[in-house]
C-alpha atoms as a PDB file:
ATOM      1  CA  UNK A   1     -19.099  19.495  -5.297  1.00  0.00           C
ATOM      2  CA  UNK A   2     -19.064  20.053  -8.812  1.00  0.00           C
ATOM      3  CA  UNK A   3     -19.881  17.416 -11.733  1.00  0.00           C
ATOM      4  CA  UNK A   4     -16.369  18.013 -12.915  1.00  0.00           C
ATOM      5  CA  UNK A   5     -14.716  17.930  -9.682  1.00  0.00           C
ATOM      6  CA  UNK A   6     -16.170  14.435  -8.625  1.00  0.00           C
ATOM      7  CA  UNK A   7     -15.273  13.334 -12.558  1.00  0.00           C
ATOM      8  CA  UNK A   8     -11.653  14.272 -11.222  1.00  0.00           C
ATOM      9  CA  UNK A   9     -11.757  12.919  -8.398  1.00  0.00           C
ATOM     10  CA  UNK A  10     -13.149   9.218  -9.313  1.00  0.00           C
ATOM     11  CA  UNK A  11     -10.396   9.150 -12.457  1.00  0.00           C
ATOM     12  CA  UNK A  12      -7.963   9.887  -9.877  1.00  0.00           C
ATOM     13  CA  UNK A  13      -9.021   6.652  -7.574  1.00  0.00           C
ATOM     14  CA  UNK A  14      -9.117   4.702 -10.618  1.00  0.00           C
ATOM     15  CA  UNK A  15      -5.232   6.126 -11.322  1.00  0.00           C
ATOM     16  CA  UNK A  16      -4.559   5.339  -7.629  1.00  0.00           C
ATOM     17  CA  UNK A  17      -6.432   1.583  -7.474  1.00  0.00           C
ATOM     18  CA  UNK A  18      -4.108   0.825 -10.435  1.00  0.00           C
ATOM     19  CA  UNK A  19      -1.402   1.951  -8.025  1.00  0.00           C
ATOM     20  CA  UNK A  20      -2.116   0.484  -5.445  1.00  0.00           C
ATOM     21  CA  UNK A  21      -2.876  -3.050  -7.040  1.00  0.00           C
ATOM     22  CA  UNK A  22       0.518  -3.420  -8.652  1.00  0.00           C
ATOM     23  CA  UNK A  23       2.998  -2.020  -5.411  1.00  0.00           C
ATOM     24  CA  UNK A  24       1.314   0.750  -3.546  1.00  0.00           C
ATOM     25  CA  UNK A  25       1.311   4.585  -3.116  1.00  0.00           C
ATOM     26  CA  UNK A  26      -2.119   5.264  -4.653  1.00  0.00           C
ATOM     27  CA  UNK A  27      -2.867   7.361  -1.608  1.00  0.00           C
ATOM     28  CA  UNK A  28      -0.159   9.764  -2.640  1.00  0.00           C
ATOM     29  CA  UNK A  29      -2.595  10.401  -6.218  1.00  0.00           C
ATOM     30  CA  UNK A  30      -6.048  10.628  -4.385  1.00  0.00           C
ATOM     31  CA  UNK A  31      -5.116  12.211  -1.196  1.00  0.00           C
ATOM     32  CA  UNK A  32      -3.511  15.078  -2.266  1.00  0.00           C
ATOM     33  CA  UNK A  33      -5.851  15.597  -5.300  1.00  0.00           C
ATOM     34  CA  UNK A  34      -8.924  15.265  -2.678  1.00  0.00           C
ATOM     35  CA  UNK A  35      -7.039  17.946  -0.698  1.00  0.00           C
ATOM     36  CA  UNK A  36      -6.381  20.071  -3.932  1.00  0.00           C
ATOM     37  CA  UNK A  37     -10.189  19.773  -5.095  1.00  0.00           C
ATOM     38  CA  UNK A  38     -11.997  20.661  -1.955  1.00  0.00           C
ATOM     39  CA  UNK A  39      -9.192  22.974  -0.198  1.00  0.00           C
ATOM     40  CA  UNK A  40     -11.877  23.737   3.131  1.00  0.00           C
ATOM     41  CA  UNK A  41     -11.328  20.258   4.007  1.00  0.00           C
ATOM     42  CA  UNK A  42      -9.402  18.991   6.822  1.00  0.00           C
ATOM     43  CA  UNK A  43      -5.700  16.640   6.006  1.00  0.00           C
ATOM     44  CA  UNK A  44      -7.828  14.374   8.841  1.00  0.00           C
ATOM     45  CA  UNK A  45     -11.079  14.051   6.536  1.00  0.00           C
ATOM     46  CA  UNK A  46      -8.974  13.441   3.091  1.00  0.00           C
ATOM     47  CA  UNK A  47      -6.622  10.975   4.665  1.00  0.00           C
ATOM     48  CA  UNK A  48     -10.266   8.960   6.417  1.00  0.00           C
ATOM     49  CA  UNK A  49     -12.142   9.339   3.069  1.00  0.00           C
ATOM     50  CA  UNK A  50      -9.062   7.744   1.074  1.00  0.00           C
ATOM     51  CA  UNK A  51      -9.446   5.105   3.386  1.00  0.00           C
ATOM     52  CA  UNK A  52     -12.562   4.137   2.639  1.00  0.00           C
ATOM     53  CA  UNK A  53     -11.928   4.023  -1.083  1.00  0.00           C
ATOM     54  CA  UNK A  54      -8.552   1.947  -0.732  1.00  0.00           C
ATOM     55  CA  UNK A  55     -10.353  -0.523   1.598  1.00  0.00           C
ATOM     56  CA  UNK A  56     -12.111  -1.711  -1.256  1.00  0.00           C
ATOM     57  CA  UNK A  57     -10.153  -1.150  -3.964  1.00  0.00           C
ATOM     58  CA  UNK A  58      -7.488  -3.151  -2.038  1.00  0.00           C
ATOM     59  CA  UNK A  59      -9.539  -5.942  -1.013  1.00  0.00           C
ATOM     60  CA  UNK A  60     -10.081  -6.169  -4.820  1.00  0.00           C
ATOM     61  CA  UNK A  61      -7.314  -6.721  -5.791  1.00  0.00           C
ATOM     62  CA  UNK A  62      -5.661  -9.108  -2.855  1.00  0.00           C
ATOM     63  CA  UNK A  63      -8.588 -11.456  -4.010  1.00  0.00           C
ATOM     64  CA  UNK A  64      -7.681 -11.595  -7.382  1.00  0.00           C
ATOM     65  CA  UNK A  65      -4.045 -12.070  -6.435  1.00  0.00           C
ATOM     66  CA  UNK A  66      -4.675 -14.469  -3.997  1.00  0.00           C
ATOM     67  CA  UNK A  67      -6.832 -16.888  -6.328  1.00  0.00           C
ATOM     68  CA  UNK A  68      -3.241 -16.780  -7.942  1.00  0.00           C
ATOM     69  CA  UNK A  69      -1.404 -16.967  -5.011  1.00  0.00           C
ATOM     70  CA  UNK A  70      -3.331 -19.372  -2.699  1.00  0.00           C
ATOM     71  CA  UNK A  71      -0.577 -19.352  -0.165  1.00  0.00           C
ATOM     72  CA  UNK A  72      -0.992 -15.954   0.046  1.00  0.00           C
ATOM     73  CA  UNK A  73      -4.034 -16.378   2.459  1.00  0.00           C
ATOM     74  CA  UNK A  74      -1.740 -17.222   5.074  1.00  0.00           C
ATOM     75  CA  UNK A  75      -1.097 -13.522   5.490  1.00  0.00           C
ATOM     76  CA  UNK A  76      -4.483 -13.666   6.977  1.00  0.00           C
ATOM     77  CA  UNK A  77      -2.840 -14.780  10.807  1.00  0.00           C
ATOM     78  CA  UNK A  78      -0.680 -11.659  10.864  1.00  0.00           C
ATOM     79  CA  UNK A  79      -4.089  -9.476  10.187  1.00  0.00           C
ATOM     80  CA  UNK A  80      -4.609  -8.579  13.837  1.00  0.00           C
ATOM     81  CA  UNK A  81      -1.186  -7.715  14.708  1.00  0.00           C
ATOM     82  CA  UNK A  82      -1.668  -4.861  10.938  1.00  0.00           C
ATOM     83  CA  UNK A  83      -5.182  -3.872  12.530  1.00  0.00           C
ATOM     84  CA  UNK A  84      -4.066  -2.980  15.988  1.00  0.00           C
ATOM     85  CA  UNK A  85      -0.727  -1.227  14.755  1.00  0.00           C
ATOM     86  CA  UNK A  86      -2.710   1.138  11.807  1.00  0.00           C
ATOM     87  CA  UNK A  87      -5.459   1.856  14.863  1.00  0.00           C
ATOM     88  CA  UNK A  88      -3.320   2.852  17.028  1.00  0.00           C
ATOM     89  CA  UNK A  89      -0.752   4.975  14.407  1.00  0.00           C
ATOM     90  CA  UNK A  90      -3.739   6.626  13.233  1.00  0.00           C
ATOM     91  CA  UNK A  91      -4.818   7.912  17.127  1.00  0.00           C
ATOM     92  CA  UNK A  92      -1.299   9.546  17.455  1.00  0.00           C
ATOM     93  CA  UNK A  93      -1.326  10.877  13.614  1.00  0.00           C
ATOM     94  CA  UNK A  94      -1.695  14.263  14.663  1.00  0.00           C
ATOM     95  CA  UNK A  95       0.642  14.650  17.020  1.00  0.00           C
ATOM     96  CA  UNK A  96       3.644  13.064  15.028  1.00  0.00           C
ATOM     97  CA  UNK A  97       5.938  15.644  12.889  1.00  0.00           C
ATOM     98  CA  UNK A  98       5.158  15.025   9.509  1.00  0.00           C
ATOM     99  CA  UNK A  99       8.885  17.142   8.692  1.00  0.00           C
ATOM    100  CA  UNK A 100      10.912  14.387  10.708  1.00  0.00           C
ATOM    101  CA  UNK A 101       8.933  11.598   9.203  1.00  0.00           C
ATOM    102  CA  UNK A 102       9.191  12.092   5.603  1.00  0.00           C
ATOM    103  CA  UNK A 103      13.500  12.390   5.684  1.00  0.00           C
ATOM    104  CA  UNK A 104      13.357   9.309   6.971  1.00  0.00           C
ATOM    105  CA  UNK A 105      10.719   8.105   4.216  1.00  0.00           C
ATOM    106  CA  UNK A 106      13.133   9.719   1.424  1.00  0.00           C
ATOM    107  CA  UNK A 107      15.978   7.827   2.525  1.00  0.00           C
ATOM    108  CA  UNK A 108      14.323   4.564   2.573  1.00  0.00           C
ATOM    109  CA  UNK A 109      12.558   4.693  -0.356  1.00  0.00           C
ATOM    110  CA  UNK A 110      16.528   6.025  -1.858  1.00  0.00           C
ATOM    111  CA  UNK A 111      17.617   2.877  -0.352  1.00  0.00           C
ATOM    112  CA  UNK A 112      14.470   0.563  -1.865  1.00  0.00           C
ATOM    113  CA  UNK A 113      15.554   1.618  -5.370  1.00  0.00           C
ATOM    114  CA  UNK A 114      19.192   1.518  -5.152  1.00  0.00           C
ATOM    115  CA  UNK A 115      18.821  -2.010  -3.884  1.00  0.00           C
ATOM    116  CA  UNK A 116      16.173  -3.128  -6.345  1.00  0.00           C
ATOM    117  CA  UNK A 117      18.170  -1.978  -9.290  1.00  0.00           C
ATOM    118  CA  UNK A 118      21.335  -3.324  -7.864  1.00  0.00           C
ATOM    119  CA  UNK A 119      20.143  -6.717  -7.053  1.00  0.00           C
ATOM    120  CA  UNK A 120      18.058  -7.343 -10.279  1.00  0.00           C
ATOM    121  CA  UNK A 121      17.316 -11.629  -8.928  1.00  0.00           C
ATOM    122  CA  UNK A 122      15.723  -9.720  -6.297  1.00  0.00           C
ATOM    123  CA  UNK A 123      11.856 -10.383  -6.198  1.00  0.00           C
ATOM    124  CA  UNK A 124      12.209 -12.365  -9.562  1.00  0.00           C
ATOM    125  CA  UNK A 125      10.381 -15.941  -9.930  1.00  0.00           C
ATOM    126  CA  UNK A 126      12.768 -18.682  -8.844  1.00  0.00           C
ATOM    127  CA  UNK A 127      11.252 -20.587 -11.741  1.00  0.00           C
ATOM    128  CA  UNK A 128       9.054 -20.167 -14.348  1.00  0.00           C
ATOM    129  CA  UNK A 129       7.314 -23.327 -14.786  1.00  0.00           C
ATOM    130  CA  UNK A 130       6.294 -23.551 -11.443  1.00  0.00           C
ATOM    131  CA  UNK A 131       4.380 -19.976 -11.025  1.00  0.00           C
ATOM    132  CA  UNK A 132       4.273 -17.672  -8.209  1.00  0.00           C
ATOM    133  CA  UNK A 133       1.907 -19.835  -6.537  1.00  0.00           C
ATOM    134  CA  UNK A 134       4.384 -23.005  -6.355  1.00  0.00           C
ATOM    135  CA  UNK A 135       7.320 -21.097  -5.288  1.00  0.00           C
ATOM    136  CA  UNK A 136       5.314 -19.421  -2.017  1.00  0.00           C
ATOM    137  CA  UNK A 137       3.674 -22.255  -1.415  1.00  0.00           C
ATOM    138  CA  UNK A 138       6.552 -22.966   1.489  1.00  0.00           C
ATOM    139  CA  UNK A 139       7.764 -19.611   2.315  1.00  0.00           C
ATOM    140  CA  UNK A 140       6.687 -20.086   5.984  1.00  0.00           C
ATOM    141  CA  UNK A 141       7.837 -23.775   6.486  1.00  0.00           C
ATOM    142  CA  UNK A 142      10.660 -24.820   8.751  1.00  0.00           C
ATOM    143  CA  UNK A 143      11.756 -20.488   8.597  1.00  0.00           C
ATOM    144  CA  UNK A 144      14.473 -19.640  11.326  1.00  0.00           C
ATOM    145  CA  UNK A 145      12.907 -17.934  14.581  1.00  0.00           C
ATOM    146  CA  UNK A 146      14.955 -14.992  13.777  1.00  0.00           C
ATOM    147  CA  UNK A 147      12.596 -14.486  10.609  1.00  0.00           C
ATOM    148  CA  UNK A 148       9.363 -14.684  12.228  1.00  0.00           C
ATOM    149  CA  UNK A 149      10.195 -12.353  14.872  1.00  0.00           C
ATOM    150  CA  UNK A 150      11.063 -10.126  11.986  1.00  0.00           C
ATOM    151  CA  UNK A 151       7.917 -10.612  10.252  1.00  0.00           C
ATOM    152  CA  UNK A 152       6.120  -9.686  13.033  1.00  0.00           C
ATOM    153  CA  UNK A 153       7.992  -6.564  13.512  1.00  0.00           C
ATOM    154  CA  UNK A 154       7.656  -6.058   9.764  1.00  0.00           C
ATOM    155  CA  UNK A 155       3.758  -6.320  10.317  1.00  0.00           C
ATOM    156  CA  UNK A 156       3.350  -4.331  13.253  1.00  0.00           C
ATOM    157  CA  UNK A 157       5.593  -1.399  12.502  1.00  0.00           C
ATOM    158  CA  UNK A 158       4.167  -0.754   9.062  1.00  0.00           C
ATOM    159  CA  UNK A 159       1.002  -0.970  10.527  1.00  0.00           C
ATOM    160  CA  UNK A 160       1.002   1.830  12.876  1.00  0.00           C
ATOM    161  CA  UNK A 161       3.081   3.827  10.209  1.00  0.00           C
ATOM    162  CA  UNK A 162       0.402   3.427   7.815  1.00  0.00           C
ATOM    163  CA  UNK A 163      -1.898   5.001  10.348  1.00  0.00           C
ATOM    164  CA  UNK A 164       0.032   7.697  11.534  1.00  0.00           C
ATOM    165  CA  UNK A 165       1.591   8.860   7.624  1.00  0.00           C
ATOM    166  CA  UNK A 166       1.032   5.918   5.108  1.00  0.00           C
ATOM    167  CA  UNK A 167       2.932   6.611   1.861  1.00  0.00           C
ATOM    168  CA  UNK A 168       4.097   3.579   0.629  1.00  0.00           C
ATOM    169  CA  UNK A 169       2.989   1.423   2.826  1.00  0.00           C
ATOM    170  CA  UNK A 170       2.014  -1.850  -0.034  1.00  0.00           C
ATOM    171  CA  UNK A 171       5.353  -1.172  -1.482  1.00  0.00           C
ATOM    172  CA  UNK A 172       7.171  -1.073   1.959  1.00  0.00           C
ATOM    173  CA  UNK A 173       5.553  -4.947   2.882  1.00  0.00           C
ATOM    174  CA  UNK A 174       6.430  -6.056  -0.519  1.00  0.00           C
ATOM    175  CA  UNK A 175       9.871  -4.982  -0.287  1.00  0.00           C
ATOM    176  CA  UNK A 176       9.758  -6.591   3.130  1.00  0.00           C
ATOM    177  CA  UNK A 177       8.005 -10.141   2.307  1.00  0.00           C
ATOM    178  CA  UNK A 178      10.502 -10.582  -0.123  1.00  0.00           C
ATOM    179  CA  UNK A 179      13.653 -10.444   1.644  1.00  0.00           C
ATOM    180  CA  UNK A 180      12.260 -12.358   4.909  1.00  0.00           C
ATOM    181  CA  UNK A 181      10.441 -15.067   2.811  1.00  0.00           C
ATOM    182  CA  UNK A 182      12.309 -15.390  -0.285  1.00  0.00           C
ATOM    183  CA  UNK A 183       8.891 -14.868  -2.090  1.00  0.00           C
ATOM    184  CA  UNK A 184       9.013 -13.071  -5.626  1.00  0.00           C
ATOM    185  CA  UNK A 185       7.259  -9.736  -6.079  1.00  0.00           C
ATOM    186  CA  UNK A 186       3.843 -11.440  -7.295  1.00  0.00           C
ATOM    187  CA  UNK A 187       3.245 -13.572  -3.842  1.00  0.00           C
ATOM    188  CA  UNK A 188       4.642 -10.703  -2.106  1.00  0.00           C
ATOM    189  CA  UNK A 189       2.646  -8.460  -3.528  1.00  0.00           C
ATOM    190  CA  UNK A 190      -0.694 -11.015  -2.868  1.00  0.00           C
ATOM    191  CA  UNK A 191       0.219 -10.651   0.973  1.00  0.00           C
ATOM    192  CA  UNK A 192       0.469  -7.295   1.251  1.00  0.00           C
ATOM    193  CA  UNK A 193      -2.472  -6.527   0.225  1.00  0.00           C
ATOM    194  CA  UNK A 194      -3.999  -8.698   2.255  1.00  0.00           C
ATOM    195  CA  UNK A 195      -2.278  -6.866   5.255  1.00  0.00           C
ATOM    196  CA  UNK A 196      -2.918  -3.764   3.299  1.00  0.00           C
ATOM    197  CA  UNK A 197      -6.494  -4.196   3.913  1.00  0.00           C
ATOM    198  CA  UNK A 198      -6.212  -4.553   7.579  1.00  0.00           C
ATOM    199  CA  UNK A 199      -4.185  -1.488   8.338  1.00  0.00           C
ATOM    200  CA  UNK A 200      -6.736   0.286   6.221  1.00  0.00           C
ATOM    201  CA  UNK A 201      -9.894  -1.133   8.540  1.00  0.00           C
ATOM    202  CA  UNK A 202      -7.426  -0.238  11.582  1.00  0.00           C
ATOM    203  CA  UNK A 203      -7.095   3.578  10.446  1.00  0.00           C
ATOM    204  CA  UNK A 204     -10.766   3.826   9.681  1.00  0.00           C
ATOM    205  CA  UNK A 205     -11.980   2.882  12.488  1.00  0.00           C
ATOM    206  CA  UNK A 206      -9.927   5.401  14.331  1.00  0.00           C
ATOM    207  CA  UNK A 207     -10.934   8.014  11.858  1.00  0.00           C
ATOM    208  CA  UNK A 208     -14.473   6.990  11.906  1.00  0.00           C
ATOM    209  CA  UNK A 209     -15.020   7.243  16.128  1.00  0.00           C
ATOM    210  CA  UNK A 210     -13.476  10.908  15.603  1.00  0.00           C
ATOM    211  CA  UNK A 211     -15.923  11.702  13.041  1.00  0.00           C
ATOM    212  CA  UNK A 212     -13.765  12.325  10.371  1.00  0.00           C
ATOM    213  CA  UNK A 213     -15.208   9.744   7.271  1.00  0.00           C
ATOM    214  CA  UNK A 214     -16.644  11.219   4.604  1.00  0.00           C
ATOM    215  CA  UNK A 215     -18.777   8.248   3.591  1.00  0.00           C
ATOM    216  CA  UNK A 216     -21.173   9.173   0.649  1.00  0.00           C
ATOM    217  CA  UNK A 217     -17.775  10.454  -1.057  1.00  0.00           C
ATOM    218  CA  UNK A 218     -15.423   7.688   0.114  1.00  0.00           C
ATOM    219  CA  UNK A 219     -17.928   4.895  -1.376  1.00  0.00           C
ATOM    220  CA  UNK A 220     -18.153   6.602  -4.542  1.00  0.00           C
ATOM    221  CA  UNK A 221     -14.539   7.050  -5.246  1.00  0.00           C
ATOM    222  CA  UNK A 222     -14.485   3.397  -3.626  1.00  0.00           C
ATOM    223  CA  UNK A 223     -16.414   2.181  -7.452  1.00  0.00           C
ATOM    224  CA  UNK A 224     -13.287   3.333  -9.774  1.00  0.00           C
ATOM    225  CA  UNK A 225     -10.371   2.406  -7.040  1.00  0.00           C
ATOM    226  CA  UNK A 226     -12.222  -1.121  -7.593  1.00  0.00           C
ATOM    227  CA  UNK A 227     -12.096  -1.278 -11.479  1.00  0.00           C
ATOM    228  CA  UNK A 228      -8.626   0.621 -11.092  1.00  0.00           C
ATOM    229  CA  UNK A 229      -7.290  -2.420  -8.544  1.00  0.00           C
ATOM    230  CA  UNK A 230      -8.681  -5.098 -10.795  1.00  0.00           C
ATOM    231  CA  UNK A 231      -6.884  -3.928 -13.823  1.00  0.00           C
ATOM    232  CA  UNK A 232      -3.456  -3.588 -11.710  1.00  0.00           C
ATOM    233  CA  UNK A 233      -4.177  -6.616 -10.424  1.00  0.00           C
ATOM    234  CA  UNK A 234      -4.917  -8.773 -13.702  1.00  0.00           C
ATOM    235  CA  UNK A 235      -1.686  -6.625 -14.836  1.00  0.00           C
ATOM    236  CA  UNK A 236       0.668  -8.085 -12.383  1.00  0.00           C
ATOM    237  CA  UNK A 237      -0.960 -11.493 -13.260  1.00  0.00           C
ATOM    238  CA  UNK A 238      -0.017 -11.380 -16.899  1.00  0.00           C
ATOM    239  CA  UNK A 239       2.899  -9.560 -17.128  1.00  0.00           C
ATOM    240  CA  UNK A 240       4.920 -11.231 -13.387  1.00  0.00           C
ATOM    241  CA  UNK A 241       7.549  -9.582 -12.136  1.00  0.00           C
ATOM    242  CA  UNK A 242       9.360  -7.871 -14.677  1.00  0.00           C
ATOM    243  CA  UNK A 243       6.800  -5.400 -14.897  1.00  0.00           C
ATOM    244  CA  UNK A 244       6.027  -4.893 -11.110  1.00  0.00           C
ATOM    245  CA  UNK A 245       9.552  -4.244 -11.083  1.00  0.00           C
ATOM    246  CA  UNK A 246       9.068  -1.740 -13.519  1.00  0.00           C
ATOM    247  CA  UNK A 247       6.353  -0.330 -11.756  1.00  0.00           C
ATOM    248  CA  UNK A 248       8.506  -0.689  -8.482  1.00  0.00           C
ATOM    249  CA  UNK A 249      10.942   1.713  -9.182  1.00  0.00           C
ATOM    250  CA  UNK A 250       9.025   4.728 -11.054  1.00  0.00           C
ATOM    251  CA  UNK A 251       6.674   4.569  -7.902  1.00  0.00           C
ATOM    252  CA  UNK A 252       9.833   4.856  -5.685  1.00  0.00           C
ATOM    253  CA  UNK A 253      11.173   7.822  -7.764  1.00  0.00           C
ATOM    254  CA  UNK A 254       7.453   9.038  -7.674  1.00  0.00           C
ATOM    255  CA  UNK A 255       7.476   9.564  -4.086  1.00  0.00           C
ATOM    256  CA  UNK A 256      10.371  10.249  -2.980  1.00  0.00           C
ATOM    257  CA  UNK A 257      10.443  13.661  -5.535  1.00  0.00           C
ATOM    258  CA  UNK A 258       6.621  14.256  -4.093  1.00  0.00           C
ATOM    259  CA  UNK A 259       7.824  13.816  -0.593  1.00  0.00           C
ATOM    260  CA  UNK A 260      11.138  16.078  -0.901  1.00  0.00           C
ATOM    261  CA  UNK A 261       9.159  18.548  -2.693  1.00  0.00           C
ATOM    262  CA  UNK A 262       6.257  18.537   0.409  1.00  0.00           C
ATOM    263  CA  UNK A 263       9.393  18.778   2.807  1.00  0.00           C
ATOM    264  CA  UNK A 264      10.606  22.241   1.562  1.00  0.00           C
ATOM    265  CA  UNK A 265       6.937  23.396   1.570  1.00  0.00           C
ATOM    266  CA  UNK A 266       6.453  23.573  -2.531  1.00  0.00           C
ATOM    267  CA  UNK A 267       3.271  21.164  -2.667  1.00  0.00           C
ATOM    268  CA  UNK A 268       2.133  21.833   0.701  1.00  0.00           C
END
């Protein structure tokens, strides 16, 4: 692998870490880049190697965001469910028809974008003086049973989805936490990062057992992924929910467009 290719991959991993830290979706940057610059690499190897970098970057962002939103650590109790779901999803990933999944995900992304635009108050802080930590302090206290069921279903389903397909896992988690817990975008992003670490680990365990992981490349990409994640997490905390909202909408448009191009065979 030439120095130019390695440099491009490191820069791409930094950008992916930034996007993942803010709203999720960094895999749509790094995975295609790995495949384009390494044509002989199998898609499963690219997915697996991306998981190595993503685990370190997402963990880094999760730690930074959780320091500001300590209640986000409550999400750890859902981590085993997310891990098992993702590991199971990775087991069946090769047998899932991506041409069937892509249109469904595109529709979901468009729905997320339309809903976010139509509801300006969705994901907004519930009181600027209190801050995200206070706003999410009692998010799960006295929560109705149906919402607990919804939360478990959300984590389990997205865990499986991340193992099978993956694009937008963090974004869907953020939207789900905002809807079910009533937390703002920052508090929801902190929880999403914790769950996303678990889904990445679950999928990586499966890929590792299948011998698909290029560990040296993955660990090298992890270094710049962490740098990007730290920049992104600090921007989220410094600029607030409005910043997350704007980036979310941009990522939705880009992600839907990329998947649509993939579906018609233009980019793979």
